[in-house]
Amino acid sequence: MEIFITLLNLAYAIVGAFITLGFMIMGYKIFDKMTPFDTSKQLAEQNIAVGIVVGSIFIGLGIAIGLVIGMGLN
């Protein structure tokens, strides 16, 4: 029975990771639409300020969604 619970938690974490990646992609797309410049082009030109903002978006979304997934495992 314990192995079933462990496998169920593992499956839940894997699904949660894919959901988190999906939300990160959506957050990046929304940020790209909100800004007056092309975010991908600015990142390709190694604009440090844009890189810091995009990284912050990923960290913030990752923490928020990770907490939701973590609370669901309990």
PDB file of N, CA and C in Angstrom:
ATOM      1  N   MET A   1       0.825  -1.200   0.000  1.00  0.00           N
ATOM      2  CA  MET A   1       0.000   0.000   0.000  1.00  0.00           C
ATOM      3  C   MET A   1       0.865   1.258   0.000  1.00  0.00           C
ATOM      4  N   GLU A   2       2.006   1.227   0.714  1.00  0.00           N
ATOM      5  CA  GLU A   2       2.862   2.403   0.773  1.00  0.00           C
ATOM      6  C   GLU A   2       3.474   2.724  -0.586  1.00  0.00           C
ATOM      7  N   ILE A   3       3.787   1.671  -1.363  1.00  0.00           N
ATOM      8  CA  ILE A   3       4.366   1.909  -2.686  1.00  0.00           C
ATOM      9  C   ILE A   3       3.347   2.579  -3.602  1.00  0.00           C
ATOM     10  N   PHE A   4       2.075   2.241  -3.424  1.00  0.00           N
ATOM     11  CA  PHE A   4       1.023   2.869  -4.223  1.00  0.00           C
ATOM     12  C   PHE A   4       0.941   4.357  -3.921  1.00  0.00           C
ATOM     13  N   ILE A   5       1.006   4.705  -2.657  1.00  0.00           N
ATOM     14  CA  ILE A   5       0.954   6.119  -2.254  1.00  0.00           C
ATOM     15  C   ILE A   5       2.176   6.856  -2.795  1.00  0.00           C
ATOM     16  N   THR A   6       3.338   6.225  -2.733  1.00  0.00           N
ATOM     17  CA  THR A   6       4.560   6.840  -3.248  1.00  0.00           C
ATOM     18  C   THR A   6       4.462   7.065  -4.754  1.00  0.00           C
ATOM     19  N   LEU A   7       3.981   6.070  -5.490  1.00  0.00           N
ATOM     20  CA  LEU A   7       3.829   6.213  -6.945  1.00  0.00           C
ATOM     21  C   LEU A   7       2.781   7.259  -7.296  1.00  0.00           C
ATOM     22  N   LEU A   8       1.711   7.317  -6.507  1.00  0.00           N
ATOM     23  CA  LEU A   8       0.686   8.322  -6.742  1.00  0.00           C
ATOM     24  C   LEU A   8       1.248   9.726  -6.524  1.00  0.00           C
ATOM     25  N   ASN A   9       2.035   9.909  -5.467  1.00  0.00           N
ATOM     26  CA  ASN A   9       2.664  11.207  -5.212  1.00  0.00           C
ATOM     27  C   ASN A   9       3.657  11.568  -6.319  1.00  0.00           C
ATOM     28  N   LEU A  10       4.398  10.576  -6.809  1.00  0.00           N
ATOM     29  CA  LEU A  10       5.337  10.822  -7.901  1.00  0.00           C
ATOM     30  C   LEU A  10       4.597  11.257  -9.165  1.00  0.00           C
ATOM     31  N   ALA A  11       3.518  10.557  -9.481  1.00  0.00           N
ATOM     32  CA  ALA A  11       2.721  10.927 -10.658  1.00  0.00           C
ATOM     33  C   ALA A  11       2.142  12.329 -10.496  1.00  0.00           C
ATOM     34  N   TYR A  12       1.673  12.645  -9.303  1.00  0.00           N
ATOM     35  CA  TYR A  12       1.113  13.963  -9.033  1.00  0.00           C
ATOM     36  C   TYR A  12       2.176  15.053  -9.202  1.00  0.00           C
ATOM     37  N   ALA A  13       3.394  14.775  -8.742  1.00  0.00           N
ATOM     38  CA  ALA A  13       4.485  15.746  -8.873  1.00  0.00           C
ATOM     39  C   ALA A  13       4.878  15.942 -10.334  1.00  0.00           C
ATOM     40  N   ILE A  14       4.892  14.864 -11.116  1.00  0.00           N
ATOM     41  CA  ILE A  14       5.240  14.978 -12.539  1.00  0.00           C
ATOM     42  C   ILE A  14       4.186  15.787 -13.286  1.00  0.00           C
ATOM     43  N   VAL A  15       2.918  15.497 -13.023  1.00  0.00           N
ATOM     44  CA  VAL A  15       1.846  16.271 -13.655  1.00  0.00           C
ATOM     45  C   VAL A  15       1.940  17.734 -13.225  1.00  0.00           C
ATOM     46  N   GLY A  16       2.224  17.958 -11.955  1.00  0.00           N
ATOM     47  CA  GLY A  16       2.368  19.326 -11.453  1.00  0.00           C
ATOM     48  C   GLY A  16       3.525  20.061 -12.105  1.00  0.00           C
ATOM     49  N   ALA A  17       4.610  19.348 -12.388  1.00  0.00           N
ATOM     50  CA  ALA A  17       5.753  19.980 -13.060  1.00  0.00           C
ATOM     51  C   ALA A  17       5.370  20.430 -14.465  1.00  0.00           C
ATOM     52  N   PHE A  18       4.628  19.599 -15.177  1.00  0.00           N
ATOM     53  CA  PHE A  18       4.189  19.990 -16.521  1.00  0.00           C
ATOM     54  C   PHE A  18       3.206  21.156 -16.479  1.00  0.00           C
ATOM     55  N   ILE A  19       2.337  21.158 -15.483  1.00  0.00           N
ATOM     56  CA  ILE A  19       1.409  22.287 -15.330  1.00  0.00           C
ATOM     57  C   ILE A  19       2.188  23.561 -15.020  1.00  0.00           C
ATOM     58  N   THR A  20       3.203  23.455 -14.165  1.00  0.00           N
ATOM     59  CA  THR A  20       4.040  24.613 -13.842  1.00  0.00           C
ATOM     60  C   THR A  20       4.734  25.155 -15.085  1.00  0.00           C
ATOM     61  N   LEU A  21       5.296  24.263 -15.899  1.00  0.00           N
ATOM     62  CA  LEU A  21       5.937  24.705 -17.142  1.00  0.00           C
ATOM     63  C   LEU A  21       4.941  25.405 -18.061  1.00  0.00           C
ATOM     64  N   GLY A  22       3.727  24.875 -18.129  1.00  0.00           N
ATOM     65  CA  GLY A  22       2.691  25.508 -18.944  1.00  0.00           C
ATOM     66  C   GLY A  22       2.363  26.913 -18.462  1.00  0.00           C
ATOM     67  N   PHE A  23       2.242  27.071 -17.140  1.00  0.00           N
ATOM     68  CA  PHE A  23       1.964  28.398 -16.593  1.00  0.00           C
ATOM     69  C   PHE A  23       3.137  29.351 -16.807  1.00  0.00           C
ATOM     70  N   MET A  24       4.365  28.835 -16.752  1.00  0.00           N
ATOM     71  CA  MET A  24       5.529  29.686 -17.009  1.00  0.00           C
ATOM     72  C   MET A  24       5.533  30.168 -18.460  1.00  0.00           C
ATOM     73  N   ILE A  25       5.199  29.293 -19.375  1.00  0.00           N
ATOM     74  CA  ILE A  25       5.131  29.687 -20.790  1.00  0.00           C
ATOM     75  C   ILE A  25       4.022  30.716 -20.991  1.00  0.00           C
ATOM     76  N   MET A  26       2.871  30.479 -20.366  1.00  0.00           N
ATOM     77  CA  MET A  26       1.776  31.452 -20.482  1.00  0.00           C
ATOM     78  C   MET A  26       2.169  32.801 -19.888  1.00  0.00           C
ATOM     79  N   GLY A  27       2.842  32.787 -18.732  1.00  0.00           N
ATOM     80  CA  GLY A  27       3.280  34.037 -18.106  1.00  0.00           C
ATOM     81  C   GLY A  27       4.252  34.800 -18.980  1.00  0.00           C
ATOM     82  N   TYR A  28       5.165  34.069 -19.628  1.00  0.00           N
ATOM     83  CA  TYR A  28       6.117  34.717 -20.527  1.00  0.00           C
ATOM     84  C   TYR A  28       5.399  35.330 -21.727  1.00  0.00           C
ATOM     85  N   LYS A  29       4.435  34.596 -22.291  1.00  0.00           N
ATOM     86  CA  LYS A  29       3.689  35.107 -23.456  1.00  0.00           C
ATOM     87  C   LYS A  29       2.885  36.352 -23.079  1.00  0.00           C
ATOM     88  N   ILE A  30       2.260  36.332 -21.905  1.00  0.00           N
ATOM     89  CA  ILE A  30       1.491  37.499 -21.458  1.00  0.00           C
ATOM     90  C   ILE A  30       2.420  38.686 -21.245  1.00  0.00           C
ATOM     91  N   PHE A  31       3.572  38.453 -20.616  1.00  0.00           N
ATOM     92  CA  PHE A  31       4.544  39.530 -20.417  1.00  0.00           C
ATOM     93  C   PHE A  31       5.015  40.078 -21.759  1.00  0.00           C
ATOM     94  N   ASP A  32       5.235  39.195 -22.723  1.00  0.00           N
ATOM     95  CA  ASP A  32       5.695  39.616 -24.050  1.00  0.00           C
ATOM     96  C   ASP A  32       4.643  40.476 -24.748  1.00  0.00           C
ATOM     97  N   LYS A  33       3.369  40.145 -24.549  1.00  0.00           N
ATOM     98  CA  LYS A  33       2.287  40.942 -25.162  1.00  0.00           C
ATOM     99  C   LYS A  33       2.114  42.297 -24.469  1.00  0.00           C
ATOM    100  N   MET A  34       2.402  42.361 -23.168  1.00  0.00           N
ATOM    101  CA  MET A  34       2.200  43.600 -22.413  1.00  0.00           C
ATOM    102  C   MET A  34       3.291  44.628 -22.660  1.00  0.00           C
ATOM    103  N   THR A  35       4.477  44.198 -23.010  1.00  0.00           N
ATOM    104  CA  THR A  35       5.585  45.127 -23.186  1.00  0.00           C
ATOM    105  C   THR A  35       5.617  45.684 -24.606  1.00  0.00           C
ATOM    106  N   PRO A  36       6.079  46.921 -24.773  1.00  0.00           N
ATOM    107  CA  PRO A  36       6.116  47.522 -26.112  1.00  0.00           C
ATOM    108  C   PRO A  36       7.288  47.033 -26.970  1.00  0.00           C
ATOM    109  N   PHE A  37       8.155  46.212 -26.418  1.00  0.00           N
ATOM    110  CA  PHE A  37       9.307  45.712 -27.156  1.00  0.00           C
ATOM    111  C   PHE A  37       9.195  44.198 -27.293  1.00  0.00           C
ATOM    112  N   ASP A  38      10.000  43.633 -28.188  1.00  0.00           N
ATOM    113  CA  ASP A  38      10.027  42.191 -28.392  1.00  0.00           C
ATOM    114  C   ASP A  38      10.976  41.569 -27.363  1.00  0.00           C
ATOM    115  N   THR A  39      10.406  40.838 -26.438  1.00  0.00           N
ATOM    116  CA  THR A  39      11.195  40.274 -25.345  1.00  0.00           C
ATOM    117  C   THR A  39      12.242  39.292 -25.858  1.00  0.00           C
ATOM    118  N   SER A  40      11.860  38.444 -26.797  1.00  0.00           N
ATOM    119  CA  SER A  40      12.810  37.455 -27.327  1.00  0.00           C
ATOM    120  C   SER A  40      13.997  38.136 -27.996  1.00  0.00           C
ATOM    121  N   LYS A  41      13.721  39.212 -28.727  1.00  0.00           N
ATOM    122  CA  LYS A  41      14.804  39.939 -29.405  1.00  0.00           C
ATOM    123  C   LYS A  41      15.737  40.586 -28.383  1.00  0.00           C
ATOM    124  N   GLN A  42      15.152  41.149 -27.325  1.00  0.00           N
ATOM    125  CA  GLN A  42      15.964  41.783 -26.288  1.00  0.00           C
ATOM    126  C   GLN A  42      16.823  40.752 -25.550  1.00  0.00           C
ATOM    127  N   LEU A  43      16.268  39.568 -25.327  1.00  0.00           N
ATOM    128  CA  LEU A  43      17.058  38.514 -24.683  1.00  0.00           C
ATOM    129  C   LEU A  43      18.180  38.038 -25.602  1.00  0.00           C
ATOM    130  N   ALA A  44      17.913  37.978 -26.908  1.00  0.00           N
ATOM    131  CA  ALA A  44      18.944  37.573 -27.871  1.00  0.00           C
ATOM    132  C   ALA A  44      20.070  38.604 -27.930  1.00  0.00           C
ATOM    133  N   GLU A  45      19.715  39.879 -27.702  1.00  0.00           N
ATOM    134  CA  GLU A  45      20.720  40.948 -27.698  1.00  0.00           C
ATOM    135  C   GLU A  45      21.404  41.058 -26.334  1.00  0.00           C
ATOM    136  N   GLN A  46      21.119  40.133 -25.433  1.00  0.00           N
ATOM    137  CA  GLN A  46      21.707  40.053 -24.094  1.00  0.00           C
ATOM    138  C   GLN A  46      21.424  41.290 -23.246  1.00  0.00           C
ATOM    139  N   ASN A  47      20.172  41.735 -23.289  1.00  0.00           N
ATOM    140  CA  ASN A  47      19.738  42.832 -22.439  1.00  0.00           C
ATOM    141  C   ASN A  47      19.571  42.290 -21.020  1.00  0.00           C
ATOM    142  N   ILE A  48      20.435  42.732 -20.125  1.00  0.00           N
ATOM    143  CA  ILE A  48      20.463  42.185 -18.766  1.00  0.00           C
ATOM    144  C   ILE A  48      19.194  42.535 -17.995  1.00  0.00           C
ATOM    145  N   ALA A  49      18.667  43.725 -18.164  1.00  0.00           N
ATOM    146  CA  ALA A  49      17.474  44.142 -17.426  1.00  0.00           C
ATOM    147  C   ALA A  49      16.278  43.267 -17.793  1.00  0.00           C
ATOM    148  N   VAL A  50      16.103  42.995 -19.072  1.00  0.00           N
ATOM    149  CA  VAL A  50      14.993  42.141 -19.510  1.00  0.00           C
ATOM    150  C   VAL A  50      15.201  40.718 -18.997  1.00  0.00           C
ATOM    151  N   GLY A  51      16.436  40.255 -19.002  1.00  0.00           N
ATOM    152  CA  GLY A  51      16.730  38.917 -18.485  1.00  0.00           C
ATOM    153  C   GLY A  51      16.396  38.775 -17.015  1.00  0.00           C
ATOM    154  N   ILE A  52      16.687  39.803 -16.242  1.00  0.00           N
ATOM    155  CA  ILE A  52      16.378  39.772 -14.811  1.00  0.00           C
ATOM    156  C   ILE A  52      14.868  39.743 -14.598  1.00  0.00           C
ATOM    157  N   VAL A  53      14.133  40.534 -15.360  1.00  0.00           N
ATOM    158  CA  VAL A  53      12.671  40.568 -15.219  1.00  0.00           C
ATOM    159  C   VAL A  53      12.058  39.227 -15.617  1.00  0.00           C
ATOM    160  N   VAL A  54      12.495  38.659 -16.726  1.00  0.00           N
ATOM    161  CA  VAL A  54      11.959  37.370 -17.174  1.00  0.00           C
ATOM    162  C   VAL A  54      12.321  36.283 -16.163  1.00  0.00           C
ATOM    163  N   GLY A  55      13.528  36.297 -15.657  1.00  0.00           N
ATOM    164  CA  GLY A  55      13.918  35.337 -14.631  1.00  0.00           C
ATOM    165  C   GLY A  55      13.075  35.476 -13.376  1.00  0.00           C
ATOM    166  N   SER A  56      12.762  36.710 -13.005  1.00  0.00           N
ATOM    167  CA  SER A  56      11.917  36.948 -11.837  1.00  0.00           C
ATOM    168  C   SER A  56      10.510  36.411 -12.045  1.00  0.00           C
ATOM    169  N   ILE A  57      10.003  36.562 -13.269  1.00  0.00           N
ATOM    170  CA  ILE A  57       8.679  36.017 -13.581  1.00  0.00           C
ATOM    171  C   ILE A  57       8.694  34.503 -13.399  1.00  0.00           C
ATOM    172  N   PHE A  58       9.719  33.836 -13.923  1.00  0.00           N
ATOM    173  CA  PHE A  58       9.806  32.385 -13.818  1.00  0.00           C
ATOM    174  C   PHE A  58       9.941  31.940 -12.368  1.00  0.00           C
ATOM    175  N   ILE A  59      10.749  32.641 -11.594  1.00  0.00           N
ATOM    176  CA  ILE A  59      10.924  32.279 -10.189  1.00  0.00           C
ATOM    177  C   ILE A  59       9.617  32.474  -9.419  1.00  0.00           C
ATOM    178  N   GLY A  60       8.948  33.604  -9.641  1.00  0.00           N
ATOM    179  CA  GLY A  60       7.691  33.871  -8.951  1.00  0.00           C
ATOM    180  C   GLY A  60       6.609  32.857  -9.282  1.00  0.00           C
ATOM    181  N   LEU A  61       6.450  32.566 -10.565  1.00  0.00           N
ATOM    182  CA  LEU A  61       5.447  31.569 -10.950  1.00  0.00           C
ATOM    183  C   LEU A  61       5.819  30.188 -10.437  1.00  0.00           C
ATOM    184  N   GLY A  62       7.101  29.861 -10.482  1.00  0.00           N
ATOM    185  CA  GLY A  62       7.543  28.556  -9.994  1.00  0.00           C
ATOM    186  C   GLY A  62       7.279  28.375  -8.512  1.00  0.00           C
ATOM    187  N   ILE A  63       7.532  29.410  -7.741  1.00  0.00           N
ATOM    188  CA  ILE A  63       7.278  29.325  -6.298  1.00  0.00           C
ATOM    189  C   ILE A  63       5.780  29.196  -6.032  1.00  0.00           C
ATOM    190  N   ALA A  64       4.983  30.014  -6.696  1.00  0.00           N
ATOM    191  CA  ALA A  64       3.540  29.997  -6.456  1.00  0.00           C
ATOM    192  C   ALA A  64       2.924  28.652  -6.842  1.00  0.00           C
ATOM    193  N   ILE A  65       3.215  28.182  -8.023  1.00  0.00           N
ATOM    194  CA  ILE A  65       2.643  26.917  -8.471  1.00  0.00           C
ATOM    195  C   ILE A  65       3.243  25.756  -7.674  1.00  0.00           C
ATOM    196  N   GLY A  66       4.524  25.838  -7.346  1.00  0.00           N
ATOM    197  CA  GLY A  66       5.161  24.793  -6.544  1.00  0.00           C
ATOM    198  C   GLY A  66       4.526  24.658  -5.165  1.00  0.00           C
ATOM    199  N   LEU A  67       4.163  25.772  -4.565  1.00  0.00           N
ATOM    200  CA  LEU A  67       3.485  25.717  -3.274  1.00  0.00           C
ATOM    201  C   LEU A  67       2.122  25.049  -3.386  1.00  0.00           C
ATOM    202  N   VAL A  68       1.413  25.344  -4.454  1.00  0.00           N
ATOM    203  CA  VAL A  68       0.098  24.722  -4.656  1.00  0.00           C
ATOM    204  C   VAL A  68       0.265  23.207  -4.818  1.00  0.00           C
ATOM    205  N   ILE A  69       1.260  22.801  -5.603  1.00  0.00           N
ATOM    206  CA  ILE A  69       1.505  21.365  -5.802  1.00  0.00           C
ATOM    207  C   ILE A  69       1.955  20.721  -4.495  1.00  0.00           C
ATOM    208  N   GLY A  70       2.852  21.373  -3.783  1.00  0.00           N
ATOM    209  CA  GLY A  70       3.340  20.843  -2.518  1.00  0.00           C
ATOM    210  C   GLY A  70       2.243  20.690  -1.481  1.00  0.00           C
ATOM    211  N   MET A  71       1.337  21.627  -1.435  1.00  0.00           N
ATOM    212  CA  MET A  71       0.225  21.527  -0.478  1.00  0.00           C
ATOM    213  C   MET A  71      -0.699  20.380  -0.868  1.00  0.00           C
ATOM    214  N   GLY A  72      -0.799  20.092  -2.152  1.00  0.00           N
ATOM    215  CA  GLY A  72      -1.648  19.009  -2.606  1.00  0.00           C
ATOM    216  C   GLY A  72      -1.081  17.640  -2.262  1.00  0.00           C
ATOM    217  N   LEU A  73       0.234  17.549  -2.082  1.00  0.00           N
ATOM    218  CA  LEU A  73       0.857  16.265  -1.739  1.00  0.00           C
ATOM    219  C   LEU A  73       0.620  15.880  -0.286  1.00  0.00           C
ATOM    220  N   ASN A  74       0.274  16.840   0.544  1.00  0.00           N
ATOM    221  CA  ASN A  74       0.075  16.535   1.971  1.00  0.00           C
ATOM    222  C   ASN A  74      -1.256  15.955   2.233  1.00  0.00           C
TER     223      ASN A  74
END
